[in-house]
Amino acid sequence: MGLAVPAMTTGILTAVDKTRSGIASAVLNTTRQAAGAVGVAVFGAMTNGGAVAIVHAVGESAIISAGSLLVFGVLIFKYLKRA
């Protein structure tokens, strides 16, 4: 996560007009904070049930993360080709 945040910020702020960079930064940070809070809540709900549930939740979280990375990588590649 620490390596992704500067890259996301740079990518988004270079893709918008300089007059809207404050709004873009605010939307990025708000979305990142909200998604993090939802992710913690969902992971907590998935782990309710002991050690077996925790191992299962970690596996599902890894699959969800890999899928999200793939989807957003394709979207970024698609929209960067246009610009």
C-alpha atoms as a PDB file:
ATOM      1  CA  MET A   1       0.000   0.000   0.000  1.00  0.00           C
ATOM      2  CA  GLY A   2       2.812   2.389   0.797  1.00  0.00           C
ATOM      3  CA  LEU A   3       4.233   2.029  -2.698  1.00  0.00           C
ATOM      4  CA  ALA A   4       0.861   2.349  -4.421  1.00  0.00           C
ATOM      5  CA  VAL A   5      -0.325   5.627  -2.877  1.00  0.00           C
ATOM      6  CA  PRO A   6       2.342   7.923  -4.395  1.00  0.00           C
ATOM      7  CA  ALA A   7       1.896   6.263  -7.795  1.00  0.00           C
ATOM      8  CA  MET A   8      -1.903   6.648  -7.620  1.00  0.00           C
ATOM      9  CA  THR A   9      -1.599  10.270  -6.561  1.00  0.00           C
ATOM     10  CA  THR A  10       0.862  11.088  -9.325  1.00  0.00           C
ATOM     11  CA  GLY A  11      -1.157   9.253 -11.960  1.00  0.00           C
ATOM     12  CA  ILE A  12      -4.398  10.973 -11.054  1.00  0.00           C
ATOM     13  CA  LEU A  13      -2.979  14.450 -10.623  1.00  0.00           C
ATOM     14  CA  THR A  14      -1.163  14.342 -13.954  1.00  0.00           C
ATOM     15  CA  ALA A  15      -4.358  13.193 -15.696  1.00  0.00           C
ATOM     16  CA  VAL A  16      -6.464  16.217 -14.651  1.00  0.00           C
ATOM     17  CA  ASP A  17      -6.220  19.923 -15.357  1.00  0.00           C
ATOM     18  CA  LYS A  18      -4.138  21.898 -12.885  1.00  0.00           C
ATOM     19  CA  THR A  19      -7.220  23.916 -11.952  1.00  0.00           C
ATOM     20  CA  ARG A  20      -8.945  20.736 -10.728  1.00  0.00           C
ATOM     21  CA  SER A  21      -5.989  19.074  -9.022  1.00  0.00           C
ATOM     22  CA  GLY A  22      -7.285  19.944  -5.544  1.00  0.00           C
ATOM     23  CA  ILE A  23     -10.634  18.297  -6.236  1.00  0.00           C
ATOM     24  CA  ALA A  24      -8.930  15.241  -7.756  1.00  0.00           C
ATOM     25  CA  SER A  25      -6.660  14.889  -4.735  1.00  0.00           C
ATOM     26  CA  ALA A  26      -9.594  15.208  -2.340  1.00  0.00           C
ATOM     27  CA  VAL A  27     -11.644  12.612  -4.203  1.00  0.00           C
ATOM     28  CA  LEU A  28      -8.672  10.223  -4.280  1.00  0.00           C
ATOM     29  CA  ASN A  29      -7.993  10.564  -0.554  1.00  0.00           C
ATOM     30  CA  THR A  30     -11.668  10.314   0.415  1.00  0.00           C
ATOM     31  CA  THR A  31     -12.160   7.216  -1.721  1.00  0.00           C
ATOM     32  CA  ARG A  32      -8.995   5.626  -0.335  1.00  0.00           C
ATOM     33  CA  GLN A  33     -10.069   6.262   3.266  1.00  0.00           C
ATOM     34  CA  ALA A  34     -13.621   5.008   2.711  1.00  0.00           C
ATOM     35  CA  ALA A  35     -12.442   1.879   0.879  1.00  0.00           C
ATOM     36  CA  GLY A  36      -9.953   1.151   3.647  1.00  0.00           C
ATOM     37  CA  ALA A  37     -12.641   1.441   6.313  1.00  0.00           C
ATOM     38  CA  VAL A  38     -15.015  -0.804   4.365  1.00  0.00           C
ATOM     39  CA  GLY A  39     -12.201  -3.295   3.760  1.00  0.00           C
ATOM     40  CA  VAL A  40     -11.394  -3.519   7.470  1.00  0.00           C
ATOM     41  CA  ALA A  41     -15.071  -3.977   8.326  1.00  0.00           C
ATOM     42  CA  VAL A  42     -15.587  -6.680   5.696  1.00  0.00           C
ATOM     43  CA  PHE A  43     -12.412  -8.521   6.709  1.00  0.00           C
ATOM     44  CA  GLY A  44     -13.506  -8.363  10.343  1.00  0.00           C
ATOM     45  CA  ALA A  45     -16.868  -9.832   9.443  1.00  0.00           C
ATOM     46  CA  MET A  46     -15.228 -12.566   7.385  1.00  0.00           C
ATOM     47  CA  THR A  47     -12.968 -13.601  10.273  1.00  0.00           C
ATOM     48  CA  ASN A  48     -15.811 -14.047  12.739  1.00  0.00           C
ATOM     49  CA  GLY A  49     -15.620 -17.734  13.612  1.00  0.00           C
ATOM     50  CA  GLY A  50     -12.168 -18.647  14.812  1.00  0.00           C
ATOM     51  CA  ALA A  51      -8.873 -19.660  13.270  1.00  0.00           C
ATOM     52  CA  VAL A  52     -10.361 -21.540  10.306  1.00  0.00           C
ATOM     53  CA  ALA A  53     -12.418 -18.483   9.361  1.00  0.00           C
ATOM     54  CA  ILE A  54      -9.325 -16.258   9.564  1.00  0.00           C
ATOM     55  CA  VAL A  55      -7.345 -18.505   7.198  1.00  0.00           C
ATOM     56  CA  HIS A  56     -10.307 -18.625   4.807  1.00  0.00           C
ATOM     57  CA  ALA A  57     -10.716 -14.826   4.994  1.00  0.00           C
ATOM     58  CA  VAL A  58      -7.037 -14.242   4.214  1.00  0.00           C
ATOM     59  CA  GLY A  59      -7.329 -16.468   1.125  1.00  0.00           C
ATOM     60  CA  GLU A  60     -10.482 -14.724  -0.075  1.00  0.00           C
ATOM     61  CA  SER A  61      -8.919 -11.313   0.565  1.00  0.00           C
ATOM     62  CA  ALA A  62      -5.897 -12.264  -1.536  1.00  0.00           C
ATOM     63  CA  ILE A  63      -8.143 -13.354  -4.409  1.00  0.00           C
ATOM     64  CA  ILE A  64     -10.203 -10.152  -4.188  1.00  0.00           C
ATOM     65  CA  SER A  65      -7.034  -8.015  -4.094  1.00  0.00           C
ATOM     66  CA  ALA A  66      -5.519  -9.786  -7.094  1.00  0.00           C
ATOM     67  CA  GLY A  67      -8.770  -9.442  -9.042  1.00  0.00           C
ATOM     68  CA  SER A  68      -9.055  -5.755  -8.196  1.00  0.00           C
ATOM     69  CA  LEU A  69      -5.454  -5.163  -9.224  1.00  0.00           C
ATOM     70  CA  LEU A  70      -6.060  -6.873 -12.551  1.00  0.00           C
ATOM     71  CA  VAL A  71      -9.280  -4.946 -13.267  1.00  0.00           C
ATOM     72  CA  PHE A  72      -7.798  -1.567 -12.376  1.00  0.00           C
ATOM     73  CA  GLY A  73      -4.598  -2.343 -14.280  1.00  0.00           C
ATOM     74  CA  VAL A  74      -6.639  -3.033 -17.421  1.00  0.00           C
ATOM     75  CA  LEU A  75      -8.673   0.150 -16.911  1.00  0.00           C
ATOM     76  CA  ILE A  76      -5.578   2.275 -16.375  1.00  0.00           C
ATOM     77  CA  PHE A  77      -3.905   0.802 -19.455  1.00  0.00           C
ATOM     78  CA  LYS A  78      -7.049   1.419 -21.505  1.00  0.00           C
ATOM     79  CA  TYR A  79      -7.437   5.057 -20.474  1.00  0.00           C
ATOM     80  CA  LEU A  80      -3.729   5.906 -20.590  1.00  0.00           C
ATOM     81  CA  LYS A  81      -3.619   4.780 -24.226  1.00  0.00           C
ATOM     82  CA  ARG A  82      -6.263   7.426 -25.045  1.00  0.00           C
ATOM     83  CA  ALA A  83      -4.318  10.261 -23.443  1.00  0.00           C
END
